N, C-alpha and C. Protein backbone atom coordinates (compact mmCIF):
# COMPACT_ATOMS: atom_id res chain seq x y z
N MET A 1 128.79 59.05 120.45
CA MET A 1 129.03 58.42 119.62
C MET A 1 128.11 58.71 118.67
N ARG A 2 127.88 58.58 117.10
CA ARG A 2 126.86 58.12 116.71
C ARG A 2 127.32 57.18 115.82
N ASP A 3 126.11 55.79 115.54
CA ASP A 3 126.64 54.74 114.64
C ASP A 3 125.18 54.95 114.08
N ILE A 4 124.83 54.43 112.80
CA ILE A 4 123.94 54.49 112.26
C ILE A 4 123.69 52.86 111.17
N TRP A 5 122.67 52.63 111.88
CA TRP A 5 122.25 50.79 110.99
C TRP A 5 120.91 51.30 110.51
N TRP A 6 121.51 50.33 109.17
CA TRP A 6 120.45 49.96 108.18
C TRP A 6 119.92 48.79 108.25
N ARG A 7 118.67 48.89 107.46
CA ARG A 7 118.01 47.72 107.72
C ARG A 7 116.98 48.40 106.35
N SER A 8 116.08 47.41 106.48
CA SER A 8 114.95 46.86 104.92
C SER A 8 114.17 47.82 106.28
N VAL A 9 113.37 48.48 105.19
CA VAL A 9 111.99 49.43 105.96
C VAL A 9 110.95 48.79 106.36
N GLU A 10 110.42 48.63 107.58
CA GLU A 10 109.22 47.76 107.87
C GLU A 10 107.84 48.60 108.31
N HIS A 11 107.10 48.32 107.46
CA HIS A 11 105.98 48.96 107.59
C HIS A 11 105.06 48.38 108.63
N LYS A 12 105.11 48.89 109.96
CA LYS A 12 104.24 48.61 111.23
C LYS A 12 103.18 49.31 111.03
N SER A 13 102.52 50.61 110.08
CA SER A 13 101.28 50.79 110.08
C SER A 13 100.83 50.90 108.51
N LYS A 14 99.51 51.47 108.51
CA LYS A 14 98.90 52.05 107.57
C LYS A 14 99.47 53.55 107.12
N GLU A 15 99.83 54.43 108.07
CA GLU A 15 100.88 55.39 107.42
C GLU A 15 101.95 55.52 107.20
N GLU A 16 102.96 54.01 107.50
CA GLU A 16 104.63 54.29 107.28
C GLU A 16 104.25 54.16 105.94
N ASN A 17 103.10 52.84 106.16
CA ASN A 17 102.59 52.31 104.27
C ASN A 17 102.75 53.58 103.26
N ASP A 18 102.10 54.40 103.69
CA ASP A 18 101.69 55.77 102.64
C ASP A 18 102.48 56.06 102.42
N PHE A 19 103.15 56.83 103.60
CA PHE A 19 104.60 57.49 103.53
C PHE A 19 105.97 57.45 102.96
N ILE A 20 105.77 55.10 102.96
CA ILE A 20 106.75 55.15 101.75
C ILE A 20 106.10 55.27 100.27
N VAL A 21 105.24 54.56 100.05
CA VAL A 21 104.61 55.37 98.28
C VAL A 21 104.51 56.45 98.14
N ASN A 22 103.95 58.10 99.10
CA ASN A 22 104.11 58.86 99.14
C ASN A 22 105.16 58.99 98.79
N HIS A 23 106.20 59.29 98.69
CA HIS A 23 107.86 59.72 98.98
C HIS A 23 108.62 58.27 98.05
N PHE A 24 108.28 57.76 97.26
CA PHE A 24 108.91 56.84 96.29
C PHE A 24 108.01 56.84 94.74
N LYS A 25 106.77 57.10 94.92
CA LYS A 25 106.22 56.61 94.07
C LYS A 25 106.54 57.13 93.20
N LYS A 26 107.17 58.71 92.43
CA LYS A 26 108.18 58.63 91.08
C LYS A 26 109.24 57.83 90.67
N ILE A 27 110.29 56.95 91.52
CA ILE A 27 110.51 56.11 90.76
C ILE A 27 110.52 54.17 91.32
N MET A 28 109.08 53.60 91.17
CA MET A 28 108.13 52.38 91.47
C MET A 28 108.13 52.13 90.79
N GLN A 29 109.00 52.36 89.60
CA GLN A 29 108.45 51.73 87.99
C GLN A 29 108.68 50.11 88.60
N ARG A 30 108.29 49.64 89.03
CA ARG A 30 108.26 47.58 89.72
C ARG A 30 108.73 47.32 91.10
N PRO A 31 108.01 46.03 91.63
CA PRO A 31 108.11 46.91 93.10
C PRO A 31 109.43 46.74 93.58
N PHE A 32 109.25 47.27 94.79
CA PHE A 32 110.52 47.11 95.64
C PHE A 32 110.36 46.29 97.00
N TRP A 33 111.59 45.53 97.19
CA TRP A 33 111.23 44.50 98.42
C TRP A 33 111.45 44.90 100.07
N ILE A 34 110.34 44.48 100.71
CA ILE A 34 110.09 45.89 101.79
C ILE A 34 111.26 45.24 102.82
N GLY A 35 111.29 43.67 103.62
CA GLY A 35 112.14 43.09 104.53
C GLY A 35 111.44 42.34 105.30
N ILE A 36 109.98 41.93 104.65
CA ILE A 36 109.23 40.92 105.21
C ILE A 36 109.13 39.00 104.74
N HIS A 37 108.88 38.61 105.50
CA HIS A 37 109.60 36.93 105.14
C HIS A 37 108.48 35.46 105.50
N ASP A 38 108.66 34.85 105.25
CA ASP A 38 107.98 33.74 105.63
C ASP A 38 109.08 32.09 105.38
N THR A 39 110.19 33.10 105.64
CA THR A 39 111.36 31.27 105.28
C THR A 39 110.99 30.71 105.95
N GLN A 40 111.02 30.64 107.76
CA GLN A 40 110.92 29.85 108.71
C GLN A 40 109.90 28.96 108.77
N GLU A 41 108.76 29.65 109.02
CA GLU A 41 107.95 29.12 108.82
C GLU A 41 106.72 29.39 107.70
N GLU A 42 106.31 28.96 106.78
CA GLU A 42 104.85 29.36 105.73
C GLU A 42 103.91 30.29 106.44
N ASN A 43 103.84 31.48 106.12
CA ASN A 43 102.52 32.10 106.51
C ASN A 43 102.34 32.13 107.24
N ASN A 44 104.02 32.47 108.56
CA ASN A 44 104.33 32.94 110.10
C ASN A 44 105.18 33.86 109.18
N TRP A 45 104.17 35.44 108.56
CA TRP A 45 105.41 36.56 108.98
C TRP A 45 106.25 37.52 109.82
N GLN A 46 107.39 37.17 109.46
CA GLN A 46 108.69 38.28 109.67
C GLN A 46 109.26 39.38 109.92
N TRP A 47 109.57 40.23 110.21
CA TRP A 47 110.44 41.59 109.62
C TRP A 47 111.87 40.73 109.69
N GLY A 48 112.39 40.90 108.62
CA GLY A 48 114.08 40.61 108.45
C GLY A 48 114.72 41.52 109.29
N SER A 49 115.05 42.56 109.89
CA SER A 49 115.75 42.93 111.20
C SER A 49 115.63 42.56 112.62
N SER A 50 114.66 42.50 112.43
CA SER A 50 114.03 42.05 113.99
C SER A 50 113.44 40.54 114.40
N ASN A 51 113.03 40.45 113.62
CA ASN A 51 112.48 38.56 113.26
C ASN A 51 111.22 38.40 114.29
N LEU A 52 110.74 40.08 114.35
CA LEU A 52 109.31 39.40 115.25
C LEU A 52 108.42 39.43 114.33
N ASN A 53 107.77 38.75 114.97
CA ASN A 53 106.84 37.97 114.26
C ASN A 53 105.49 38.60 113.73
N LYS A 54 104.82 38.72 113.01
CA LYS A 54 103.67 39.55 112.62
C LYS A 54 102.59 38.44 113.30
N ARG A 55 101.37 39.15 114.06
CA ARG A 55 100.50 39.07 114.86
C ARG A 55 99.24 39.28 114.34
N PRO A 56 98.20 38.71 114.00
CA PRO A 56 96.80 38.87 114.65
C PRO A 56 96.60 40.17 114.58
N GLY A 57 95.71 40.98 114.08
CA GLY A 57 95.81 42.47 114.61
C GLY A 57 96.72 43.53 113.65
N ASP A 58 98.24 43.01 113.79
CA ASP A 58 99.12 44.38 112.85
C ASP A 58 99.22 44.27 111.62
N PHE A 59 99.47 45.50 111.21
CA PHE A 59 98.64 45.58 109.90
C PHE A 59 100.11 44.95 108.50
N PHE A 60 99.09 44.61 107.74
CA PHE A 60 99.10 44.21 107.07
C PHE A 60 98.82 44.88 105.44
N ASN A 61 99.06 44.84 104.11
CA ASN A 61 98.63 45.74 103.34
C ASN A 61 98.74 44.44 101.83
N TRP A 62 98.73 43.16 102.16
CA TRP A 62 98.60 42.23 101.09
C TRP A 62 97.39 42.64 99.79
N ALA A 63 97.84 42.83 98.48
CA ALA A 63 97.01 42.67 97.21
C ALA A 63 96.25 41.11 97.47
N PRO A 64 94.86 41.73 96.65
CA PRO A 64 93.48 40.62 96.29
C PRO A 64 94.76 39.36 96.15
N ASN A 65 94.26 38.81 97.09
CA ASN A 65 94.70 36.86 96.74
C ASN A 65 95.78 36.14 97.22
N GLU A 66 95.99 37.46 97.63
CA GLU A 66 97.99 37.66 98.50
C GLU A 66 97.96 37.06 100.01
N PRO A 67 99.37 37.02 100.14
CA PRO A 67 100.46 35.87 99.90
C PRO A 67 99.90 34.82 99.16
N SER A 68 100.79 34.45 97.35
CA SER A 68 99.47 33.13 97.21
C SER A 68 101.16 32.15 96.94
N ASN A 69 101.87 32.47 97.19
CA ASN A 69 102.88 31.02 97.61
C ASN A 69 103.11 30.42 96.43
N ALA A 70 102.95 30.79 94.63
CA ALA A 70 103.32 30.60 93.87
C ALA A 70 104.61 29.43 94.15
N TYR A 71 103.89 28.60 93.39
CA TYR A 71 104.93 27.04 93.68
C TYR A 71 105.35 27.42 94.12
N ASN A 72 104.99 26.95 95.83
CA ASN A 72 105.46 26.87 96.80
C ASN A 72 106.60 27.94 97.03
N ASN A 73 107.06 29.18 96.53
CA ASN A 73 108.23 29.25 96.30
C ASN A 73 108.67 30.71 96.48
N GLU A 74 107.81 31.61 97.34
CA GLU A 74 108.11 33.22 96.95
C GLU A 74 107.57 33.40 99.01
N ASP A 75 108.15 33.15 99.52
CA ASP A 75 108.65 33.52 100.57
C ASP A 75 108.86 35.12 100.80
N CYS A 76 109.19 36.03 100.98
CA CYS A 76 109.67 37.27 100.76
C CYS A 76 109.24 38.78 100.85
N GLY A 77 108.52 39.49 100.59
CA GLY A 77 107.97 40.61 100.42
C GLY A 77 107.92 41.90 99.33
N THR A 78 107.34 42.60 98.85
CA THR A 78 107.54 43.01 98.17
C THR A 78 106.31 44.29 97.87
N ILE A 79 106.43 45.79 97.88
CA ILE A 79 105.69 46.85 97.66
C ILE A 79 105.22 47.39 96.40
N HIS A 80 104.11 47.51 95.97
CA HIS A 80 104.02 48.01 94.48
C HIS A 80 103.69 49.47 94.27
N VAL A 81 103.45 49.98 93.48
CA VAL A 81 103.00 51.64 93.73
C VAL A 81 102.28 51.09 94.53
N ASN A 82 101.50 50.87 93.90
CA ASN A 82 99.59 51.38 94.35
C ASN A 82 99.60 50.85 96.33
N GLY A 83 100.95 50.63 97.03
CA GLY A 83 100.56 50.74 98.58
C GLY A 83 100.53 49.20 99.07
N GLN A 84 100.06 48.30 97.47
CA GLN A 84 99.92 46.85 98.26
C GLN A 84 101.44 46.00 98.43
N TRP A 85 101.32 45.05 98.53
CA TRP A 85 102.18 43.86 98.95
C TRP A 85 102.34 42.31 98.54
N ASN A 86 103.27 41.67 97.59
CA ASN A 86 103.58 40.32 97.89
C ASN A 86 103.97 40.08 97.59
N ASP A 87 104.48 38.58 97.91
CA ASP A 87 104.67 37.90 97.75
C ASP A 87 105.48 37.55 96.56
N ARG A 88 107.14 36.79 96.33
CA ARG A 88 107.62 36.68 95.48
C ARG A 88 108.89 35.75 95.95
N THR A 89 109.71 34.81 94.84
CA THR A 89 110.76 34.14 95.01
C THR A 89 111.45 35.14 95.85
N CYS A 90 112.80 34.83 96.69
CA CYS A 90 113.90 35.81 97.95
C CYS A 90 114.46 36.30 96.92
N SER A 91 114.53 34.52 95.31
CA SER A 91 116.35 35.37 94.70
C SER A 91 115.62 36.62 93.10
N ASP A 92 114.65 37.00 93.81
CA ASP A 92 114.49 37.94 92.49
C ASP A 92 115.02 39.06 92.76
N LEU A 93 115.57 39.78 91.33
CA LEU A 93 116.07 40.71 91.45
C LEU A 93 115.71 42.27 91.31
N LEU A 94 115.60 42.91 92.98
CA LEU A 94 114.80 43.94 92.65
C LEU A 94 115.31 45.18 93.70
N PRO A 95 114.83 45.59 92.98
CA PRO A 95 115.35 47.41 94.14
C PRO A 95 114.59 47.36 95.97
N PHE A 96 115.52 47.93 96.60
CA PHE A 96 115.07 47.49 98.19
C PHE A 96 114.60 48.95 98.98
N ILE A 97 114.22 49.65 99.96
CA ILE A 97 114.12 50.25 100.12
C ILE A 97 114.02 50.43 101.72
N CYS A 98 115.44 51.04 102.25
CA CYS A 98 116.33 50.90 103.59
C CYS A 98 115.59 52.28 104.59
N GLU A 99 116.09 51.77 105.85
CA GLU A 99 116.03 53.07 107.02
C GLU A 99 116.94 53.01 108.11
N ALA A 100 117.18 54.26 108.89
CA ALA A 100 118.35 54.26 109.31
C ALA A 100 117.65 53.36 111.13
N ASP A 101 118.69 53.55 111.69
CA ASP A 101 118.10 53.30 113.02
C ASP A 101 119.30 53.88 113.69
N PRO A 102 119.53 55.78 114.03
CA PRO A 102 120.66 55.88 114.25
C PRO A 102 120.95 55.56 115.38
N GLN A 103 121.90 55.24 116.38
CA GLN A 103 121.78 54.87 117.96
C GLN A 103 122.42 55.57 118.66
N ILE A 104 122.71 56.21 119.43
CA ILE A 104 123.41 56.96 120.26
C ILE A 104 123.53 56.76 121.51
N ASP A 105 125.44 56.66 122.02
CA ASP A 105 125.30 56.69 122.79
C ASP A 105 125.93 57.40 124.62
């Protein structure tokens, strides 16, 4: 039996980040949600599906001066067409990119 689980895409390397940008650049007219957040503790970024904390040395691709936590209200991450990340208010209405995780029994 094969189940497919969908989750927000997690960019764990420069290669994965570049793949996403190259694959979606034709439709990336605005930022996309990527699945990283710091809602539990400020500046402690986690991937939404796994709740694994990012650690020093892990891949990040923040734009200059980001994450900024503007107005003390930006806790979710987006990716722009140039591949750089930004933090935004989690309630902003934006498209998102998902990845499949096939589970085979």
